[in-house]
Amino acid sequence: MRHEKEPPITVIHSRNGQNGLAILSMEQVANIRSSFSVGICFTVQLEPKGPESRLVVVLDNLLTNSLKDLAQQEGWSYEKLLFDVGIHAIGRYLDEAGKPPFTPSIVNAAQIPGTRAAQVYFEPPPKEPSDGIIFGYIGSKVYWGWRFGLAAVGFSEADARRLGVPVREFERVALAGEGKYWRRANDGTRTFSATPRLLEELPAGVLPGLERPSLTHIADRLTAPRYEASQRQFVKALAFMHGEQPDMPNAVKEAVAAVESLSLKISGLGSGTLGDCIKELKRQGRLSPPLGKVLEGLWGYSSEEPGVRHGKIAVPSVPAAEAYFAVNLAASAILYLLDLDAT
């Protein structure tokens, strides 16, 4: 039994950043009965702070013999090679099938096919990944490392094999996010720890290389320094909507706040509410009455809905459908206001 506070060996994540698990140990390599296969047995954690689970990566017996011969020829550790092939197979599984089922010690371990992963382990990818894909991979692994309690995560030959790039590429591409999304360890190794911005933007789907479609592209339109407050608020709204525990009242609150911040910039008001901005834009003749009513409706909803802009004795509750409608309306308002600012 592992000590409760012992950290994972490493984390494995899907390349889209949506799934991850922690490898706690590689237990053994054993023949699987009634088949010509070998199983690489791992103890894993499927959820942060969750219980231990078990996985077996299944390889063809002849293939494992080939791997053993290769390790001897190259002077590699056979056990380390099996470990790397095993986590490569688990990564492919996360990409293609999502998280494996939870299997505690009282039931048979979940089996993951590993033969194909082993066969392609040494093959170059059909298409060399872009810097954006490598950047997203780095951010995703650093994020999931933090989720599973690792102070920092490193990038090894196994990561390089998974993407099909030289391991030095992680160092080169990581420079673009250093200090912003992660920090490099002081020892100069390929080891990085997460920044608060990474923890906010990856779940929201706006991390470069891992962007989600639709709403997340609104944040990309707010990259100018004068829009920084609005961008941060809209990113928070998306994080509240798409987080592990969605918080719809705060999603609406931050989305409307993003519209309000942008409106203050565009109207020229130094302070005030969205309602004040609407009045000023109308006075300036820049806001048509019909669209003004739409913005007033958004402002009125957020002001009157308990728990969105104002406190409430009971726990606030905003239906998901209403929240998505309000946040999408806020996104449309942002695009409209940006066009006003450009004219």
Protein backbone atom coordinates (compact mmCIF):
# COMPACT_ATOMS: atom_id res chain seq x y z
CA MET A 1 0.00 0.00 0.00
CA ARG A 2 1.37 3.39 -0.96
CA HIS A 3 1.77 6.08 1.65
CA GLU A 4 -1.15 8.48 1.49
CA LYS A 5 1.01 11.55 0.88
CA GLU A 6 3.44 10.02 -1.59
CA PRO A 7 3.23 12.03 -4.84
CA PRO A 8 2.53 10.45 -8.23
CA ILE A 9 5.39 9.38 -10.48
CA THR A 10 3.93 11.38 -13.35
CA VAL A 11 0.68 12.46 -14.95
CA ILE A 12 -0.75 11.51 -18.34
CA HIS A 13 -3.26 13.70 -20.16
CA SER A 14 -5.30 13.75 -23.32
CA ARG A 15 -3.87 16.00 -25.98
CA ASN A 16 -6.97 18.22 -25.90
CA GLY A 17 -6.33 18.88 -22.20
CA GLN A 18 -9.75 17.63 -21.09
CA ASN A 19 -8.70 14.42 -19.29
CA GLY A 20 -5.82 13.39 -17.10
CA LEU A 21 -4.76 10.73 -14.63
CA ALA A 22 -1.81 10.15 -12.32
CA ILE A 23 0.57 7.19 -12.42
CA LEU A 24 1.32 6.10 -8.88
CA SER A 25 3.48 3.07 -9.68
CA MET A 26 4.26 0.39 -12.25
CA GLU A 27 3.70 -2.80 -10.31
CA GLN A 28 4.85 -5.66 -12.49
CA VAL A 29 4.97 -7.25 -15.94
CA ALA A 30 3.09 -10.55 -16.09
CA ASN A 31 1.81 -13.06 -18.62
CA ILE A 32 -1.94 -12.94 -19.18
CA ARG A 33 -3.64 -16.30 -18.96
CA SER A 34 -5.37 -17.82 -22.00
CA SER A 35 -3.55 -15.48 -24.42
CA PHE A 36 -0.16 -14.87 -25.91
CA SER A 37 0.05 -11.48 -24.20
CA VAL A 38 1.93 -9.65 -21.50
CA GLY A 39 0.41 -7.10 -19.16
CA ILE A 40 2.16 -4.01 -17.82
CA CYS A 41 0.37 -3.33 -14.51
CA PHE A 42 -0.02 0.21 -13.22
CA THR A 43 -1.54 1.68 -10.08
CA VAL A 44 -3.20 4.95 -11.01
CA GLN A 45 -5.42 7.73 -9.71
CA LEU A 46 -8.25 8.69 -12.03
CA GLU A 47 -9.34 11.80 -10.13
CA PRO A 48 -7.41 14.27 -7.97
CA LYS A 49 -7.59 13.09 -4.33
CA GLY A 50 -9.52 10.03 -5.56
CA PRO A 51 -8.90 6.40 -4.58
CA GLU A 52 -6.33 4.16 -6.22
CA SER A 53 -7.32 2.28 -9.36
CA ARG A 54 -5.51 -0.25 -11.55
CA LEU A 55 -4.72 -0.52 -15.25
CA VAL A 56 -3.10 -3.22 -17.33
CA VAL A 57 -1.57 -2.30 -20.68
CA VAL A 58 -1.73 -5.45 -22.83
CA LEU A 59 1.08 -6.16 -25.30
CA ASP A 60 1.60 -9.00 -27.74
CA ASN A 61 4.12 -11.47 -26.29
CA LEU A 62 6.27 -11.50 -29.43
CA LEU A 63 6.38 -7.72 -29.39
CA THR A 64 7.63 -7.60 -25.82
CA ASN A 65 10.42 -10.00 -26.79
CA SER A 66 11.36 -7.61 -29.59
CA LEU A 67 11.39 -4.72 -27.14
CA LYS A 68 13.64 -6.71 -24.81
CA ASP A 69 16.08 -7.41 -27.67
CA LEU A 70 16.04 -3.74 -28.66
CA ALA A 71 16.76 -2.64 -25.10
CA GLN A 72 19.74 -4.98 -24.93
CA GLN A 73 21.10 -3.78 -28.28
CA GLU A 74 20.81 -0.11 -27.37
CA GLY A 75 21.86 -0.46 -23.74
CA TRP A 76 18.52 0.76 -22.45
CA SER A 77 16.66 -0.30 -19.33
CA TYR A 78 14.02 -2.81 -20.43
CA GLU A 79 11.79 -1.88 -17.48
CA LYS A 80 12.04 1.84 -18.32
CA LEU A 81 11.22 1.09 -21.98
CA LEU A 82 8.11 -0.87 -20.95
CA PHE A 83 7.09 1.96 -18.63
CA ASP A 84 7.41 4.53 -21.44
CA VAL A 85 5.49 2.32 -23.89
CA GLY A 86 2.83 1.75 -21.24
CA ILE A 87 2.21 5.43 -20.56
CA HIS A 88 2.27 6.05 -24.30
CA ALA A 89 -0.58 3.53 -24.65
CA ILE A 90 -2.51 5.12 -21.78
CA GLY A 91 -2.13 8.55 -23.40
CA ARG A 92 -3.51 7.22 -26.69
CA TYR A 93 -6.42 5.68 -24.79
CA LEU A 94 -7.24 9.03 -23.14
CA ASP A 95 -7.20 10.66 -26.59
CA GLU A 96 -9.45 8.09 -28.21
CA ALA A 97 -11.72 6.72 -25.47
CA GLY A 98 -11.52 9.03 -22.46
CA LYS A 99 -10.84 7.90 -18.93
CA PRO A 100 -10.72 4.16 -18.23
CA PRO A 101 -13.14 2.65 -15.70
CA PHE A 102 -12.33 2.66 -12.00
CA THR A 103 -11.10 -0.77 -10.89
CA PRO A 104 -10.12 -1.16 -7.23
CA SER A 105 -8.18 -4.14 -5.92
CA ILE A 106 -11.29 -6.29 -5.44
CA VAL A 107 -12.07 -6.45 -9.19
CA ASN A 108 -10.06 -7.25 -12.28
CA ALA A 109 -7.94 -4.35 -13.50
CA ALA A 110 -9.11 -2.41 -16.55
CA GLN A 111 -7.25 -3.51 -19.68
CA ILE A 112 -5.91 -1.08 -22.28
CA PRO A 113 -4.60 -2.29 -25.67
CA GLY A 114 -0.93 -1.43 -26.03
CA THR A 115 0.36 -3.31 -29.06
CA ARG A 116 -0.38 -0.56 -31.58
CA ALA A 117 1.08 2.08 -29.24
CA ALA A 118 4.27 0.03 -28.98
CA GLN A 119 4.46 -0.39 -32.74
CA VAL A 120 4.23 3.34 -33.43
CA TYR A 121 6.37 4.35 -30.46
CA PHE A 122 9.48 4.66 -32.61
CA GLU A 123 7.75 5.86 -35.79
CA PRO A 124 7.69 9.54 -36.79
CA PRO A 125 4.21 11.10 -36.89
CA PRO A 126 2.53 11.42 -40.30
CA LYS A 127 2.66 15.20 -39.82
CA GLU A 128 5.08 17.14 -37.63
CA PRO A 129 3.14 18.94 -34.86
CA SER A 130 3.04 22.72 -34.90
CA ASP A 131 4.46 24.88 -32.13
CA GLY A 132 0.88 25.53 -31.04
CA ILE A 133 0.23 21.82 -30.49
CA ILE A 134 3.47 21.46 -28.50
CA PHE A 135 2.56 24.56 -26.47
CA GLY A 136 -0.87 23.11 -25.66
CA TYR A 137 0.70 19.79 -24.69
CA ILE A 138 3.07 21.52 -22.27
CA GLY A 139 0.27 23.55 -20.70
CA SER A 140 -1.97 20.52 -20.35
CA LYS A 141 0.66 18.39 -18.60
CA VAL A 142 1.66 21.20 -16.24
CA TYR A 143 -2.02 21.81 -15.42
CA TRP A 144 -2.80 18.16 -14.71
CA GLY A 145 0.37 17.84 -12.67
CA TRP A 146 -0.91 20.63 -10.44
CA ARG A 147 -4.36 19.02 -10.24
CA PHE A 148 -2.82 15.78 -8.97
CA GLY A 149 -0.60 17.45 -6.40
CA LEU A 150 2.76 17.69 -8.16
CA ALA A 151 4.71 20.87 -7.43
CA ALA A 152 6.22 20.64 -10.92
CA VAL A 153 6.29 18.27 -13.89
CA GLY A 154 9.09 17.35 -16.25
CA PHE A 155 9.16 16.46 -19.94
CA SER A 156 10.99 13.34 -21.00
CA GLU A 157 11.71 11.18 -24.01
CA ALA A 158 8.29 9.55 -23.51
CA ASP A 159 6.57 12.93 -24.08
CA ALA A 160 8.74 13.54 -27.12
CA ARG A 161 7.83 10.13 -28.57
CA ARG A 162 4.15 10.80 -28.04
CA LEU A 163 4.29 13.98 -30.11
CA GLY A 164 6.99 12.75 -32.46
CA VAL A 165 9.43 15.61 -31.81
CA PRO A 166 12.95 15.84 -30.34
CA VAL A 167 12.78 16.36 -26.59
CA ARG A 168 14.66 19.66 -26.95
CA GLU A 169 11.56 21.08 -28.69
CA PHE A 170 9.80 21.27 -25.31
CA GLU A 171 12.49 23.63 -24.04
CA ARG A 172 12.30 25.83 -27.13
CA VAL A 173 8.50 26.11 -27.26
CA ALA A 174 8.20 26.48 -23.46
CA LEU A 175 10.08 29.79 -23.66
CA ALA A 176 6.96 31.39 -25.19
CA GLY A 177 4.92 30.69 -22.05
CA GLU A 178 7.58 31.04 -19.37
CA GLY A 179 6.56 33.45 -16.62
CA LYS A 180 3.05 33.70 -18.06
CA TYR A 181 1.68 30.15 -17.94
CA TRP A 182 4.47 28.28 -16.14
CA ARG A 183 7.77 28.77 -14.35
CA ARG A 184 10.92 26.77 -14.98
CA ALA A 185 12.65 25.07 -12.06
CA ASN A 186 15.78 26.84 -10.85
CA ASP A 187 17.94 23.82 -11.64
CA GLY A 188 17.63 24.50 -15.38
CA THR A 189 15.89 21.20 -16.18
CA ARG A 190 12.81 20.70 -18.38
CA THR A 191 10.65 20.96 -15.25
CA PHE A 192 7.84 23.49 -14.93
CA SER A 193 5.26 24.60 -12.36
CA ALA A 194 1.89 26.19 -13.08
CA THR A 195 1.00 29.87 -12.75
CA PRO A 196 -2.45 31.11 -11.70
CA ARG A 197 -3.11 32.20 -15.28
CA LEU A 198 -2.65 28.65 -16.61
CA LEU A 199 -5.03 27.31 -13.94
CA GLU A 200 -7.63 29.82 -15.05
CA GLU A 201 -7.29 29.76 -18.82
CA LEU A 202 -6.91 26.04 -19.53
CA PRO A 203 -10.31 25.05 -18.02
CA ALA A 204 -11.85 28.02 -19.81
CA GLY A 205 -10.53 26.73 -23.12
CA VAL A 206 -8.48 29.79 -24.08
CA LEU A 207 -4.94 28.46 -23.63
CA PRO A 208 -3.04 28.73 -26.94
CA GLY A 209 -2.95 25.32 -28.60
CA LEU A 210 -5.97 24.09 -26.65
CA GLU A 211 -8.59 26.65 -27.60
CA ARG A 212 -12.19 25.52 -27.73
CA PRO A 213 -14.50 26.80 -30.47
CA SER A 214 -17.30 29.31 -30.27
CA LEU A 215 -17.34 31.47 -27.12
CA THR A 216 -13.67 31.03 -26.31
CA HIS A 217 -12.66 32.99 -29.41
CA ILE A 218 -14.32 36.08 -27.96
CA ALA A 219 -11.44 36.37 -25.48
CA ASP A 220 -9.02 36.46 -28.41
CA ARG A 221 -10.72 39.66 -29.62
CA LEU A 222 -9.92 41.35 -26.30
CA THR A 223 -6.14 41.06 -26.33
CA ALA A 224 -5.43 44.82 -26.63
CA PRO A 225 -4.17 46.30 -23.33
CA ARG A 226 -7.15 48.64 -23.06
CA TYR A 227 -9.48 45.64 -23.02
CA GLU A 228 -7.52 43.63 -20.43
CA ALA A 229 -10.13 43.92 -17.65
CA SER A 230 -12.91 42.80 -19.96
CA GLN A 231 -10.87 39.86 -21.25
CA ARG A 232 -10.03 38.64 -17.74
CA GLN A 233 -13.67 38.82 -16.72
CA PHE A 234 -14.88 36.94 -19.78
CA VAL A 235 -12.24 34.23 -19.27
CA LYS A 236 -13.48 33.86 -15.69
CA ALA A 237 -17.04 33.50 -16.99
CA LEU A 238 -15.99 30.62 -19.24
CA ALA A 239 -14.03 28.99 -16.42
CA PHE A 240 -17.14 29.12 -14.20
CA MET A 241 -19.22 27.57 -16.99
CA HIS A 242 -16.82 24.79 -17.96
CA GLY A 243 -15.07 24.04 -14.67
CA GLU A 244 -15.17 20.82 -12.66
CA GLN A 245 -18.13 22.25 -10.71
CA PRO A 246 -19.97 24.73 -12.96
CA ASP A 247 -21.03 27.94 -11.22
CA MET A 248 -23.70 29.49 -13.42
CA PRO A 249 -24.52 32.59 -11.31
CA ASN A 250 -20.87 33.63 -11.32
CA ALA A 251 -20.56 32.80 -15.01
CA VAL A 252 -23.34 35.29 -15.79
CA LYS A 253 -21.93 37.81 -13.33
CA GLU A 254 -18.46 37.80 -14.91
CA ALA A 255 -19.80 37.83 -18.49
CA VAL A 256 -21.94 40.91 -17.79
CA ALA A 257 -19.01 42.49 -15.94
CA ALA A 258 -16.93 41.98 -19.09
CA VAL A 259 -19.56 43.86 -21.11
CA GLU A 260 -19.66 46.58 -18.49
CA SER A 261 -15.85 47.02 -18.44
CA LEU A 262 -15.77 47.26 -22.22
CA SER A 263 -18.68 49.71 -22.25
CA LEU A 264 -16.87 52.00 -19.80
CA LYS A 265 -13.87 52.15 -22.13
CA ILE A 266 -15.93 52.77 -25.25
CA SER A 267 -18.35 55.29 -23.75
CA GLY A 268 -15.53 57.31 -22.16
CA LEU A 269 -17.04 57.10 -18.69
CA GLY A 270 -14.48 56.71 -15.94
CA SER A 271 -16.87 54.81 -13.70
CA GLY A 272 -20.45 53.67 -13.55
CA THR A 273 -22.66 50.73 -14.37
CA LEU A 274 -23.61 49.11 -17.64
CA GLY A 275 -26.89 51.02 -17.37
CA ASP A 276 -24.97 54.30 -17.21
CA CYS A 277 -22.90 53.29 -20.25
CA ILE A 278 -26.01 52.46 -22.27
CA LYS A 279 -27.45 55.90 -21.53
CA GLU A 280 -24.18 57.60 -22.49
CA LEU A 281 -23.80 55.66 -25.74
CA LYS A 282 -27.39 56.54 -26.65
CA ARG A 283 -26.67 60.21 -25.85
CA GLN A 284 -23.66 60.07 -28.16
CA GLY A 285 -25.87 58.64 -30.92
CA ARG A 286 -23.68 55.53 -31.20
CA LEU A 287 -26.19 52.96 -29.94
CA SER A 288 -29.37 52.26 -31.89
CA PRO A 289 -32.54 52.05 -29.78
CA PRO A 290 -33.31 48.38 -30.62
CA LEU A 291 -29.82 47.21 -29.68
CA GLY A 292 -29.91 49.46 -26.65
CA LYS A 293 -32.97 47.55 -25.48
CA VAL A 294 -31.09 44.26 -25.86
CA LEU A 295 -28.25 45.52 -23.68
CA GLU A 296 -30.74 46.90 -21.19
CA GLY A 297 -32.38 43.47 -21.05
CA LEU A 298 -29.03 41.82 -20.28
CA TRP A 299 -28.30 44.43 -17.63
CA GLY A 300 -31.78 44.06 -16.15
CA TYR A 301 -31.51 40.26 -16.00
CA SER A 302 -28.18 40.32 -14.20
CA SER A 303 -29.37 43.02 -11.81
CA GLU A 304 -32.66 41.39 -10.90
CA GLU A 305 -31.67 37.70 -10.90
CA PRO A 306 -30.92 36.82 -7.25
CA GLY A 307 -27.35 35.78 -6.63
CA VAL A 308 -25.92 37.15 -9.88
CA ARG A 309 -25.02 40.77 -9.13
CA HIS A 310 -26.45 41.00 -5.63
CA GLY A 311 -26.42 38.76 -2.61
CA LYS A 312 -29.15 36.33 -1.67
CA ILE A 313 -29.95 34.55 1.59
CA ALA A 314 -30.62 31.22 -0.15
CA VAL A 315 -28.05 29.50 -2.35
CA PRO A 316 -28.32 31.16 -5.79
CA SER A 317 -29.38 28.99 -8.69
CA VAL A 318 -29.37 29.92 -12.36
CA PRO A 319 -30.57 27.26 -14.82
CA ALA A 320 -27.87 26.20 -17.27
CA ALA A 321 -30.02 27.19 -20.26
CA GLU A 322 -30.45 30.72 -18.90
CA ALA A 323 -26.74 31.02 -18.13
CA TYR A 324 -25.71 29.90 -21.61
CA PHE A 325 -28.19 32.33 -23.15
CA ALA A 326 -26.93 35.22 -21.01
CA VAL A 327 -23.24 34.46 -21.62
CA ASN A 328 -23.80 34.09 -25.37
CA LEU A 329 -25.70 37.38 -25.37
CA ALA A 330 -22.80 38.99 -23.51
CA ALA A 331 -20.40 37.59 -26.12
CA SER A 332 -22.48 39.11 -28.92
CA ALA A 333 -22.56 42.43 -27.05
CA ILE A 334 -18.76 42.38 -26.78
CA LEU A 335 -18.38 41.87 -30.53
CA TYR A 336 -20.84 44.71 -31.19
CA LEU A 337 -19.10 47.07 -28.78
CA LEU A 338 -15.71 46.27 -30.32
CA ASP A 339 -17.09 47.31 -33.68
CA LEU A 340 -18.36 50.55 -32.13
CA ASP A 341 -14.89 51.18 -30.74
CA ALA A 342 -13.35 50.73 -34.18
CA THR A 343 -15.60 53.34 -35.81
